[in-house]
Amino acid sequence: MPLVPPALPPEIIVIERGWLSASNVLLLGRDCTALVDSGYCAHAPQTVALVESALDGRVLDQLLNTHLHSDHCGGNAALQARWPQLATRIPPGQWAQVQDWDPVALSYVPTGQECPRFRADGVLPPGTEVQLGDRAWQVHAAPGHDTHAVVLFEPHARVLISGDALWENGFGVVFPELDGEQAFAEVGATLGLIERLDPLTVIPGHGSVFGDVPAALARARRRLAGFEADPVKHARHAAKVLLKYKLLEWQQAPLAQVHAWLAATPYFGMLHQRHFAQQTASVWAEQLMQELVDAGAARREGRALLNA
């Protein structure tokens, strides 16, 4: 039976979302409020409403991102519009790309996703502490899923905000591997970091707060070992995740639209050429859709693909 996580301190409010939007973590201090991660842009009005309700009349002072994938920062612009004084801090590795707003380098064009332009006012250097609410949180580099990602750890209550570095049942797609970099070892190193931090409670980017961290780490390491043994398995998994993510946004789309999006999205072309070039792109696209259907993650109705 899974361990029930220890109760979070009352000033830490987790707004659990789904897979299209990462969860939002609201930290309420006596004099300052902060939010970690802001969800996807398609959910931005809902994000603002949820945060506004949880603040109960207070102002949002700080916004932080564990990393800059679209499901974690797509609501930044809407939150900045609602609270213009909001101070936004990001991992330092993509500071220049945000200042110049480079949607290719920031991954939005390659993944076929969207993210409205937002401003960044400061960075979260690994090895430092950041005051969120009334608590000092350690900032730790957490490369693997994203080269520039960070996790946040509060050592007294032993709470970890893990982003996509660790979920209860795995971790996020290792995007640097899709770009041809050797990043599985970085995933392993980040899992080792989390083990050394020894959190009692993990607030993941997706899914419920959990407490049996050793079991979650063991599951993550088994998953990582499988990907290391068969990188093509990881590439296929990544392609299906990206397609499923877009289907979550669309909810349903004509098959012609799905094929057109796959053909226009750079990551799919890259993955096809690198790992699946023995099939034509259209045959591979059909296979990806069918695998989602077979897994119960999508369904077909006539000439349309629907989220399931």
C-alpha atoms as a PDB file:
ATOM      1  CA  MET A   1       0.000   0.000   0.000  1.00  0.00           C
ATOM      2  CA  PRO A   2       1.430   3.441  -0.923  1.00  0.00           C
ATOM      3  CA  LEU A   3       2.531   5.568   1.978  1.00  0.00           C
ATOM      4  CA  VAL A   4       0.367   8.591   2.697  1.00  0.00           C
ATOM      5  CA  PRO A   5       2.582  11.680   2.413  1.00  0.00           C
ATOM      6  CA  PRO A   6       2.970  13.821   5.502  1.00  0.00           C
ATOM      7  CA  ALA A   7       0.611  16.769   5.573  1.00  0.00           C
ATOM      8  CA  LEU A   8       2.067  19.811   3.877  1.00  0.00           C
ATOM      9  CA  PRO A   9       2.520  22.946   5.946  1.00  0.00           C
ATOM     10  CA  PRO A  10      -0.745  24.905   5.676  1.00  0.00           C
ATOM     11  CA  GLU A  11       0.861  27.790   3.818  1.00  0.00           C
ATOM     12  CA  ILE A  12       1.773  25.482   0.893  1.00  0.00           C
ATOM     13  CA  ILE A  13      -1.223  25.048  -1.407  1.00  0.00           C
ATOM     14  CA  VAL A  14      -0.977  22.613  -4.313  1.00  0.00           C
ATOM     15  CA  ILE A  15      -3.368  23.246  -7.197  1.00  0.00           C
ATOM     16  CA  GLU A  16      -3.243  19.869  -8.894  1.00  0.00           C
ATOM     17  CA  ARG A  17      -3.920  20.086 -12.624  1.00  0.00           C
ATOM     18  CA  GLY A  18      -3.688  17.372 -15.278  1.00  0.00           C
ATOM     19  CA  TRP A  19      -1.236  16.576 -18.046  1.00  0.00           C
ATOM     20  CA  LEU A  20      -1.849  19.579 -20.291  1.00  0.00           C
ATOM     21  CA  SER A  21      -1.018  21.967 -17.439  1.00  0.00           C
ATOM     22  CA  ALA A  22       1.577  21.288 -14.782  1.00  0.00           C
ATOM     23  CA  SER A  23       0.376  21.657 -11.208  1.00  0.00           C
ATOM     24  CA  ASN A  24       0.716  25.045  -9.526  1.00  0.00           C
ATOM     25  CA  VAL A  25       2.281  25.420  -6.075  1.00  0.00           C
ATOM     26  CA  LEU A  26       1.179  28.486  -4.118  1.00  0.00           C
ATOM     27  CA  LEU A  27       3.217  29.566  -1.093  1.00  0.00           C
ATOM     28  CA  LEU A  28       1.647  32.032   1.307  1.00  0.00           C
ATOM     29  CA  GLY A  29       3.870  34.000   3.662  1.00  0.00           C
ATOM     30  CA  ARG A  30       3.015  36.706   6.131  1.00  0.00           C
ATOM     31  CA  ASP A  31       4.257  39.425   3.800  1.00  0.00           C
ATOM     32  CA  CYS A  32       4.815  37.727   0.443  1.00  0.00           C
ATOM     33  CA  THR A  33       3.151  35.194  -1.853  1.00  0.00           C
ATOM     34  CA  ALA A  34       4.730  33.055  -4.543  1.00  0.00           C
ATOM     35  CA  LEU A  35       3.634  30.616  -7.240  1.00  0.00           C
ATOM     36  CA  VAL A  36       5.767  27.861  -8.757  1.00  0.00           C
ATOM     37  CA  ASP A  37       4.834  26.959 -12.367  1.00  0.00           C
ATOM     38  CA  SER A  38       1.868  28.307 -14.282  1.00  0.00           C
ATOM     39  CA  GLY A  39       0.458  25.611 -16.581  1.00  0.00           C
ATOM     40  CA  TYR A  40      -0.226  25.651 -20.325  1.00  0.00           C
ATOM     41  CA  CYS A  41      -1.491  28.687 -22.220  1.00  0.00           C
ATOM     42  CA  ALA A  42      -4.768  27.004 -23.213  1.00  0.00           C
ATOM     43  CA  HIS A  43      -5.608  26.857 -19.491  1.00  0.00           C
ATOM     44  CA  ALA A  44      -4.320  30.350 -18.633  1.00  0.00           C
ATOM     45  CA  PRO A  45      -7.715  31.897 -17.750  1.00  0.00           C
ATOM     46  CA  GLN A  46      -8.439  28.934 -15.482  1.00  0.00           C
ATOM     47  CA  THR A  47      -4.981  29.234 -13.904  1.00  0.00           C
ATOM     48  CA  VAL A  48      -5.532  32.908 -13.110  1.00  0.00           C
ATOM     49  CA  ALA A  49      -8.950  32.158 -11.625  1.00  0.00           C
ATOM     50  CA  LEU A  50      -7.659  29.289  -9.487  1.00  0.00           C
ATOM     51  CA  VAL A  51      -4.721  31.297  -8.163  1.00  0.00           C
ATOM     52  CA  GLU A  52      -6.907  34.331  -7.523  1.00  0.00           C
ATOM     53  CA  SER A  53      -9.342  32.199  -5.539  1.00  0.00           C
ATOM     54  CA  ALA A  54      -6.579  30.600  -3.476  1.00  0.00           C
ATOM     55  CA  LEU A  55      -5.043  34.002  -2.735  1.00  0.00           C
ATOM     56  CA  ASP A  56      -8.374  35.106  -1.255  1.00  0.00           C
ATOM     57  CA  GLY A  57      -7.848  38.800  -1.908  1.00  0.00           C
ATOM     58  CA  ARG A  58      -4.072  38.881  -1.599  1.00  0.00           C
ATOM     59  CA  VAL A  59      -1.694  39.920  -4.374  1.00  0.00           C
ATOM     60  CA  LEU A  60       0.628  37.474  -6.124  1.00  0.00           C
ATOM     61  CA  ASP A  61       4.169  38.762  -5.583  1.00  0.00           C
ATOM     62  CA  GLN A  62       6.474  36.141  -7.112  1.00  0.00           C
ATOM     63  CA  LEU A  63       6.332  33.623  -9.957  1.00  0.00           C
ATOM     64  CA  LEU A  64       8.971  30.932 -10.446  1.00  0.00           C
ATOM     65  CA  ASN A  65       9.401  28.242 -13.077  1.00  0.00           C
ATOM     66  CA  THR A  66      11.138  24.912 -12.483  1.00  0.00           C
ATOM     67  CA  HIS A  67      11.839  24.847 -16.234  1.00  0.00           C
ATOM     68  CA  LEU A  68      10.513  26.516 -19.351  1.00  0.00           C
ATOM     69  CA  HIS A  69       8.534  23.800 -21.103  1.00  0.00           C
ATOM     70  CA  SER A  70       5.207  25.164 -22.253  1.00  0.00           C
ATOM     71  CA  ASP A  71       3.127  23.234 -19.710  1.00  0.00           C
ATOM     72  CA  HIS A  72       5.064  24.856 -16.856  1.00  0.00           C
ATOM     73  CA  CYS A  73       5.275  28.479 -18.023  1.00  0.00           C
ATOM     74  CA  GLY A  74       2.429  28.911 -20.523  1.00  0.00           C
ATOM     75  CA  GLY A  75       0.389  30.844 -17.972  1.00  0.00           C
ATOM     76  CA  ASN A  76       3.187  33.290 -17.117  1.00  0.00           C
ATOM     77  CA  ALA A  77       1.990  36.031 -19.461  1.00  0.00           C
ATOM     78  CA  ALA A  78      -1.589  35.867 -18.163  1.00  0.00           C
ATOM     79  CA  LEU A  79      -0.451  35.990 -14.539  1.00  0.00           C
ATOM     80  CA  GLN A  80       1.813  38.954 -15.317  1.00  0.00           C
ATOM     81  CA  ALA A  81      -1.114  40.734 -16.949  1.00  0.00           C
ATOM     82  CA  ARG A  82      -3.302  40.104 -13.883  1.00  0.00           C
ATOM     83  CA  TRP A  83      -0.608  41.183 -11.381  1.00  0.00           C
ATOM     84  CA  PRO A  84       1.660  43.636 -13.256  1.00  0.00           C
ATOM     85  CA  GLN A  85       4.105  43.984 -10.350  1.00  0.00           C
ATOM     86  CA  LEU A  86       4.727  40.222 -10.355  1.00  0.00           C
ATOM     87  CA  ALA A  87       8.446  39.367 -10.131  1.00  0.00           C
ATOM     88  CA  THR A  88       9.238  36.346 -12.329  1.00  0.00           C
ATOM     89  CA  ARG A  89      12.326  34.183 -11.939  1.00  0.00           C
ATOM     90  CA  ILE A  90      13.475  31.376 -14.223  1.00  0.00           C
ATOM     91  CA  PRO A  91      16.382  28.905 -14.350  1.00  0.00           C
ATOM     92  CA  PRO A  92      19.438  30.818 -15.572  1.00  0.00           C
ATOM     93  CA  GLY A  93      20.280  28.652 -18.573  1.00  0.00           C
ATOM     94  CA  GLN A  94      17.637  30.191 -20.827  1.00  0.00           C
ATOM     95  CA  TRP A  95      17.739  33.778 -19.625  1.00  0.00           C
ATOM     96  CA  ALA A  96      19.037  35.080 -22.961  1.00  0.00           C
ATOM     97  CA  GLN A  97      16.452  33.144 -24.986  1.00  0.00           C
ATOM     98  CA  VAL A  98      13.626  34.613 -22.900  1.00  0.00           C
ATOM     99  CA  GLN A  99      15.003  38.145 -23.148  1.00  0.00           C
ATOM    100  CA  ASP A 100      15.299  37.809 -26.938  1.00  0.00           C
ATOM    101  CA  TRP A 101      12.214  35.573 -27.094  1.00  0.00           C
ATOM    102  CA  ASP A 102      13.467  32.711 -29.228  1.00  0.00           C
ATOM    103  CA  PRO A 103      10.585  30.183 -29.495  1.00  0.00           C
ATOM    104  CA  VAL A 104      12.824  27.733 -31.356  1.00  0.00           C
ATOM    105  CA  ALA A 105      15.528  27.625 -28.684  1.00  0.00           C
ATOM    106  CA  LEU A 106      12.822  27.569 -26.009  1.00  0.00           C
ATOM    107  CA  SER A 107      11.392  24.364 -27.590  1.00  0.00           C
ATOM    108  CA  TYR A 108       7.945  25.697 -28.487  1.00  0.00           C
ATOM    109  CA  VAL A 109       8.351  25.532 -32.265  1.00  0.00           C
ATOM    110  CA  PRO A 110      10.154  22.147 -32.294  1.00  0.00           C
ATOM    111  CA  THR A 111       7.440  20.528 -30.152  1.00  0.00           C
ATOM    112  CA  GLY A 112       4.528  22.128 -31.978  1.00  0.00           C
ATOM    113  CA  GLN A 113       3.340  23.835 -28.797  1.00  0.00           C
ATOM    114  CA  GLU A 114       2.574  27.429 -27.892  1.00  0.00           C
ATOM    115  CA  CYS A 115       3.703  29.799 -25.183  1.00  0.00           C
ATOM    116  CA  PRO A 116       2.820  33.514 -25.113  1.00  0.00           C
ATOM    117  CA  ARG A 117       5.807  35.760 -24.613  1.00  0.00           C
ATOM    118  CA  PHE A 118       6.474  36.640 -20.987  1.00  0.00           C
ATOM    119  CA  ARG A 119       9.149  38.640 -19.225  1.00  0.00           C
ATOM    120  CA  ALA A 120      11.725  37.321 -16.783  1.00  0.00           C
ATOM    121  CA  ASP A 121      12.953  39.583 -13.994  1.00  0.00           C
ATOM    122  CA  GLY A 122      15.566  37.338 -12.424  1.00  0.00           C
ATOM    123  CA  VAL A 123      17.038  33.848 -12.255  1.00  0.00           C
ATOM    124  CA  LEU A 124      17.190  30.884  -9.873  1.00  0.00           C
ATOM    125  CA  PRO A 125      20.892  29.995  -9.643  1.00  0.00           C
ATOM    126  CA  PRO A 126      21.501  26.430  -8.446  1.00  0.00           C
ATOM    127  CA  GLY A 127      23.321  26.370  -5.134  1.00  0.00           C
ATOM    128  CA  THR A 128      21.418  29.357  -3.768  1.00  0.00           C
ATOM    129  CA  GLU A 129      18.334  29.787  -1.607  1.00  0.00           C
ATOM    130  CA  VAL A 130      15.148  31.625  -2.449  1.00  0.00           C
ATOM    131  CA  GLN A 131      12.648  32.952   0.073  1.00  0.00           C
ATOM    132  CA  LEU A 132       9.156  31.734  -0.812  1.00  0.00           C
ATOM    133  CA  GLY A 133       6.481  32.655   1.650  1.00  0.00           C
ATOM    134  CA  ASP A 134       8.166  32.422   5.028  1.00  0.00           C
ATOM    135  CA  ARG A 135      10.512  29.569   4.129  1.00  0.00           C
ATOM    136  CA  ALA A 136      13.953  29.397   2.556  1.00  0.00           C
ATOM    137  CA  TRP A 137      14.006  26.921  -0.351  1.00  0.00           C
ATOM    138  CA  GLN A 138      17.191  25.485  -1.789  1.00  0.00           C
ATOM    139  CA  VAL A 139      17.629  25.674  -5.563  1.00  0.00           C
ATOM    140  CA  HIS A 140      19.224  22.575  -7.108  1.00  0.00           C
ATOM    141  CA  ALA A 141      20.131  21.899 -10.734  1.00  0.00           C
ATOM    142  CA  ALA A 142      18.093  18.972 -12.076  1.00  0.00           C
ATOM    143  CA  PRO A 143      19.182  18.278 -15.675  1.00  0.00           C
ATOM    144  CA  GLY A 144      17.871  15.324 -17.652  1.00  0.00           C
ATOM    145  CA  HIS A 145      14.276  15.945 -18.668  1.00  0.00           C
ATOM    146  CA  ASP A 146      15.374  19.496 -19.422  1.00  0.00           C
ATOM    147  CA  THR A 147      18.991  20.626 -19.421  1.00  0.00           C
ATOM    148  CA  HIS A 148      18.230  23.814 -17.494  1.00  0.00           C
ATOM    149  CA  ALA A 149      15.653  22.523 -14.991  1.00  0.00           C
ATOM    150  CA  VAL A 150      15.822  23.114 -11.259  1.00  0.00           C
ATOM    151  CA  VAL A 151      14.097  21.580  -8.259  1.00  0.00           C
ATOM    152  CA  LEU A 152      13.247  23.400  -5.034  1.00  0.00           C
ATOM    153  CA  PHE A 153      13.778  21.832  -1.606  1.00  0.00           C
ATOM    154  CA  GLU A 154      12.676  23.067   1.811  1.00  0.00           C
ATOM    155  CA  PRO A 155      14.925  21.196   4.278  1.00  0.00           C
ATOM    156  CA  HIS A 156      12.984  21.664   7.522  1.00  0.00           C
ATOM    157  CA  ALA A 157       9.678  20.184   6.377  1.00  0.00           C
ATOM    158  CA  ARG A 158      11.674  18.165   3.773  1.00  0.00           C
ATOM    159  CA  VAL A 159       9.362  19.115   0.904  1.00  0.00           C
ATOM    160  CA  LEU A 160      10.589  18.857  -2.684  1.00  0.00           C
ATOM    161  CA  ILE A 161       9.014  20.642  -5.658  1.00  0.00           C
ATOM    162  CA  SER A 162      10.328  18.309  -8.336  1.00  0.00           C
ATOM    163  CA  GLY A 163       8.912  19.626 -11.613  1.00  0.00           C
ATOM    164  CA  ASP A 164       9.295  16.786 -14.125  1.00  0.00           C
ATOM    165  CA  ALA A 165      12.495  15.371 -12.603  1.00  0.00           C
ATOM    166  CA  LEU A 166      10.507  12.855 -10.538  1.00  0.00           C
ATOM    167  CA  TRP A 167       6.874  11.822 -10.592  1.00  0.00           C
ATOM    168  CA  GLU A 168       5.309   9.111  -8.475  1.00  0.00           C
ATOM    169  CA  ASN A 169       5.550   6.803 -11.492  1.00  0.00           C
ATOM    170  CA  GLY A 170       8.493   7.995 -13.523  1.00  0.00           C
ATOM    171  CA  PHE A 171       9.773  11.265 -14.962  1.00  0.00           C
ATOM    172  CA  GLY A 172       9.361  13.424 -18.042  1.00  0.00           C
ATOM    173  CA  VAL A 173      10.607  12.653 -21.545  1.00  0.00           C
ATOM    174  CA  VAL A 174      14.381  13.164 -21.732  1.00  0.00           C
ATOM    175  CA  PHE A 175      14.302  15.886 -24.367  1.00  0.00           C
ATOM    176  CA  PRO A 176      18.082  16.358 -24.732  1.00  0.00           C
ATOM    177  CA  GLU A 177      18.284  12.720 -25.865  1.00  0.00           C
ATOM    178  CA  LEU A 178      15.882  13.550 -28.691  1.00  0.00           C
ATOM    179  CA  ASP A 179      18.325  16.278 -29.754  1.00  0.00           C
ATOM    180  CA  GLY A 180      21.167  13.766 -29.930  1.00  0.00           C
ATOM    181  CA  GLU A 181      22.747  14.576 -26.560  1.00  0.00           C
ATOM    182  CA  GLN A 182      23.714  11.921 -24.009  1.00  0.00           C
ATOM    183  CA  ALA A 183      21.356  12.833 -21.171  1.00  0.00           C
ATOM    184  CA  PHE A 184      20.205   9.579 -19.588  1.00  0.00           C
ATOM    185  CA  ALA A 185      23.168   9.823 -17.210  1.00  0.00           C
ATOM    186  CA  GLU A 186      21.947  13.270 -16.151  1.00  0.00           C
ATOM    187  CA  VAL A 187      18.551  11.783 -15.303  1.00  0.00           C
ATOM    188  CA  GLY A 188      20.330   9.246 -13.112  1.00  0.00           C
ATOM    189  CA  ALA A 189      22.384  11.958 -11.436  1.00  0.00           C
ATOM    190  CA  THR A 190      19.261  13.984 -10.682  1.00  0.00           C
ATOM    191  CA  LEU A 191      17.570  10.935  -9.171  1.00  0.00           C
ATOM    192  CA  GLY A 192      20.696  10.518  -7.042  1.00  0.00           C
ATOM    193  CA  LEU A 193      20.437  14.144  -5.930  1.00  0.00           C
ATOM    194  CA  ILE A 194      16.825  13.638  -4.873  1.00  0.00           C
ATOM    195  CA  GLU A 195      17.804  10.512  -2.944  1.00  0.00           C
ATOM    196  CA  ARG A 196      20.495  12.478  -1.083  1.00  0.00           C
ATOM    197  CA  LEU A 197      18.080  15.296  -0.264  1.00  0.00           C
ATOM    198  CA  ASP A 198      15.816  12.629   1.267  1.00  0.00           C
ATOM    199  CA  PRO A 199      12.482  14.458   1.001  1.00  0.00           C
ATOM    200  CA  LEU A 200       9.514  13.290   3.028  1.00  0.00           C
ATOM    201  CA  THR A 201       7.056  14.784   0.553  1.00  0.00           C
ATOM    202  CA  VAL A 202       7.308  15.419  -3.176  1.00  0.00           C
ATOM    203  CA  ILE A 203       5.121  17.863  -5.089  1.00  0.00           C
ATOM    204  CA  PRO A 204       5.526  16.692  -8.693  1.00  0.00           C
ATOM    205  CA  GLY A 205       4.844  18.674 -11.818  1.00  0.00           C
ATOM    206  CA  HIS A 206       2.086  16.212 -12.717  1.00  0.00           C
ATOM    207  CA  GLY A 207       0.079  13.920 -10.479  1.00  0.00           C
ATOM    208  CA  SER A 208      -0.692  13.906  -6.788  1.00  0.00           C
ATOM    209  CA  VAL A 209       1.619  14.817  -3.938  1.00  0.00           C
ATOM    210  CA  PHE A 210       3.328  11.653  -2.719  1.00  0.00           C
ATOM    211  CA  GLY A 211       5.427  10.461   0.184  1.00  0.00           C
ATOM    212  CA  ASP A 212       6.996   7.073  -0.568  1.00  0.00           C
ATOM    213  CA  VAL A 213      10.028   8.585  -2.258  1.00  0.00           C
ATOM    214  CA  PRO A 214      12.262   5.472  -2.194  1.00  0.00           C
ATOM    215  CA  ALA A 215       9.588   3.507  -4.083  1.00  0.00           C
ATOM    216  CA  ALA A 216       9.169   6.322  -6.612  1.00  0.00           C
ATOM    217  CA  LEU A 217      12.932   6.490  -7.133  1.00  0.00           C
ATOM    218  CA  ALA A 218      13.085   2.729  -7.663  1.00  0.00           C
ATOM    219  CA  ARG A 219      10.346   2.924 -10.304  1.00  0.00           C
ATOM    220  CA  ALA A 220      12.088   5.840 -12.000  1.00  0.00           C
ATOM    221  CA  ARG A 221      15.399   3.986 -12.091  1.00  0.00           C
ATOM    222  CA  ARG A 222      13.785   0.908 -13.625  1.00  0.00           C
ATOM    223  CA  ARG A 223      12.222   3.110 -16.277  1.00  0.00           C
ATOM    224  CA  LEU A 224      15.529   4.822 -16.931  1.00  0.00           C
ATOM    225  CA  ALA A 225      17.327   1.481 -17.259  1.00  0.00           C
ATOM    226  CA  GLY A 226      14.794   0.408 -19.878  1.00  0.00           C
ATOM    227  CA  PHE A 227      15.371   3.556 -21.907  1.00  0.00           C
ATOM    228  CA  GLU A 228      19.151   3.258 -21.594  1.00  0.00           C
ATOM    229  CA  ALA A 229      18.972  -0.316 -22.848  1.00  0.00           C
ATOM    230  CA  ASP A 230      16.730   0.654 -25.781  1.00  0.00           C
ATOM    231  CA  PRO A 231      16.947   4.340 -26.813  1.00  0.00           C
ATOM    232  CA  VAL A 232      14.533   3.678 -29.695  1.00  0.00           C
ATOM    233  CA  LYS A 233      11.924   2.736 -27.089  1.00  0.00           C
ATOM    234  CA  HIS A 234      12.416   6.162 -25.518  1.00  0.00           C
ATOM    235  CA  ALA A 235      12.141   7.871 -28.917  1.00  0.00           C
ATOM    236  CA  ARG A 236       8.857   6.090 -29.665  1.00  0.00           C
ATOM    237  CA  HIS A 237       7.578   6.936 -26.187  1.00  0.00           C
ATOM    238  CA  ALA A 238       8.503  10.593 -26.695  1.00  0.00           C
ATOM    239  CA  ALA A 239       6.709  10.762 -30.039  1.00  0.00           C
ATOM    240  CA  LYS A 240       3.530   9.342 -28.529  1.00  0.00           C
ATOM    241  CA  VAL A 241       3.747  11.689 -25.539  1.00  0.00           C
ATOM    242  CA  LEU A 242       4.039  14.740 -27.804  1.00  0.00           C
ATOM    243  CA  LEU A 243       1.113  13.591 -29.945  1.00  0.00           C
ATOM    244  CA  LYS A 244      -1.011  12.787 -26.897  1.00  0.00           C
ATOM    245  CA  TYR A 245      -0.188  16.202 -25.446  1.00  0.00           C
ATOM    246  CA  LYS A 246      -1.429  17.945 -28.583  1.00  0.00           C
ATOM    247  CA  LEU A 247      -4.535  15.783 -28.554  1.00  0.00           C
ATOM    248  CA  LEU A 248      -5.189  16.894 -24.977  1.00  0.00           C
ATOM    249  CA  GLU A 249      -5.198  20.458 -26.306  1.00  0.00           C
ATOM    250  CA  TRP A 250      -7.355  19.708 -29.361  1.00  0.00           C
ATOM    251  CA  GLN A 251      -9.566  17.064 -27.719  1.00  0.00           C
ATOM    252  CA  GLN A 252     -10.433  15.949 -31.250  1.00  0.00           C
ATOM    253  CA  ALA A 253      -9.085  16.612 -34.719  1.00  0.00           C
ATOM    254  CA  PRO A 254      -9.584  15.331 -38.257  1.00  0.00           C
ATOM    255  CA  LEU A 255      -6.949  12.781 -39.219  1.00  0.00           C
ATOM    256  CA  ALA A 256      -5.803  15.122 -41.976  1.00  0.00           C
ATOM    257  CA  GLN A 257      -5.104  17.807 -39.370  1.00  0.00           C
ATOM    258  CA  VAL A 258      -3.152  15.349 -37.223  1.00  0.00           C
ATOM    259  CA  HIS A 259      -1.038  14.263 -40.205  1.00  0.00           C
ATOM    260  CA  ALA A 260      -0.422  17.892 -41.156  1.00  0.00           C
ATOM    261  CA  TRP A 261       0.641  18.804 -37.625  1.00  0.00           C
ATOM    262  CA  LEU A 262       2.979  15.821 -37.385  1.00  0.00           C
ATOM    263  CA  ALA A 263       4.537  16.714 -40.745  1.00  0.00           C
ATOM    264  CA  ALA A 264       5.038  20.352 -39.697  1.00  0.00           C
ATOM    265  CA  THR A 265       6.431  19.682 -36.200  1.00  0.00           C
ATOM    266  CA  PRO A 266      10.244  19.481 -36.275  1.00  0.00           C
ATOM    267  CA  TYR A 267      10.654  16.933 -33.476  1.00  0.00           C
ATOM    268  CA  PHE A 268       8.656  14.339 -35.396  1.00  0.00           C
ATOM    269  CA  GLY A 269      10.701  14.792 -38.530  1.00  0.00           C
ATOM    270  CA  MET A 270      13.897  14.501 -36.510  1.00  0.00           C
ATOM    271  CA  LEU A 271      12.731  11.377 -34.668  1.00  0.00           C
ATOM    272  CA  HIS A 272      11.497   9.796 -37.876  1.00  0.00           C
ATOM    273  CA  GLN A 273      14.781  10.343 -39.685  1.00  0.00           C
ATOM    274  CA  ARG A 274      16.923   9.286 -36.740  1.00  0.00           C
ATOM    275  CA  HIS A 275      15.049   6.167 -35.630  1.00  0.00           C
ATOM    276  CA  PHE A 276      12.175   5.209 -37.925  1.00  0.00           C
ATOM    277  CA  ALA A 277      13.272   6.088 -41.463  1.00  0.00           C
ATOM    278  CA  GLN A 278      12.608   2.525 -42.627  1.00  0.00           C
ATOM    279  CA  GLN A 279       8.932   3.560 -42.673  1.00  0.00           C
ATOM    280  CA  THR A 280       7.451   6.435 -44.612  1.00  0.00           C
ATOM    281  CA  ALA A 281       6.485   9.406 -42.449  1.00  0.00           C
ATOM    282  CA  SER A 282       2.777   8.864 -43.116  1.00  0.00           C
ATOM    283  CA  VAL A 283       2.940   5.170 -42.193  1.00  0.00           C
ATOM    284  CA  TRP A 284       4.843   6.027 -39.010  1.00  0.00           C
ATOM    285  CA  ALA A 285       2.243   8.685 -38.151  1.00  0.00           C
ATOM    286  CA  GLU A 286      -0.557   6.156 -38.583  1.00  0.00           C
ATOM    287  CA  GLN A 287       1.323   3.727 -36.376  1.00  0.00           C
ATOM    288  CA  LEU A 288       1.729   6.318 -33.606  1.00  0.00           C
ATOM    289  CA  MET A 289      -1.978   7.097 -33.683  1.00  0.00           C
ATOM    290  CA  GLN A 290      -2.872   3.427 -33.607  1.00  0.00           C
ATOM    291  CA  GLU A 291      -0.579   2.790 -30.652  1.00  0.00           C
ATOM    292  CA  LEU A 292      -2.350   5.560 -28.728  1.00  0.00           C
ATOM    293  CA  VAL A 293      -5.678   3.954 -29.592  1.00  0.00           C
ATOM    294  CA  ASP A 294      -4.443   0.509 -28.580  1.00  0.00           C
ATOM    295  CA  ALA A 295      -3.251   1.926 -25.241  1.00  0.00           C
ATOM    296  CA  GLY A 296      -6.630   3.538 -24.566  1.00  0.00           C
ATOM    297  CA  ALA A 297      -5.147   7.036 -24.807  1.00  0.00           C
ATOM    298  CA  ALA A 298      -7.105   7.969 -27.954  1.00  0.00           C
ATOM    299  CA  ARG A 299      -9.931   6.682 -30.098  1.00  0.00           C
ATOM    300  CA  ARG A 300     -10.963   6.994 -33.707  1.00  0.00           C
ATOM    301  CA  GLU A 301     -14.385   8.049 -34.902  1.00  0.00           C
ATOM    302  CA  GLY A 302     -14.647   8.019 -38.665  1.00  0.00           C
ATOM    303  CA  ARG A 303     -11.869  10.206 -40.007  1.00  0.00           C
ATOM    304  CA  ALA A 304     -11.116  11.894 -36.680  1.00  0.00           C
ATOM    305  CA  LEU A 305      -8.830  11.197 -33.727  1.00  0.00           C
ATOM    306  CA  LEU A 306     -10.286  11.910 -30.293  1.00  0.00           C
ATOM    307  CA  ASN A 307      -8.728  12.182 -26.871  1.00  0.00           C
ATOM    308  CA  ALA A 308      -9.596   9.349 -24.508  1.00  0.00           C
END
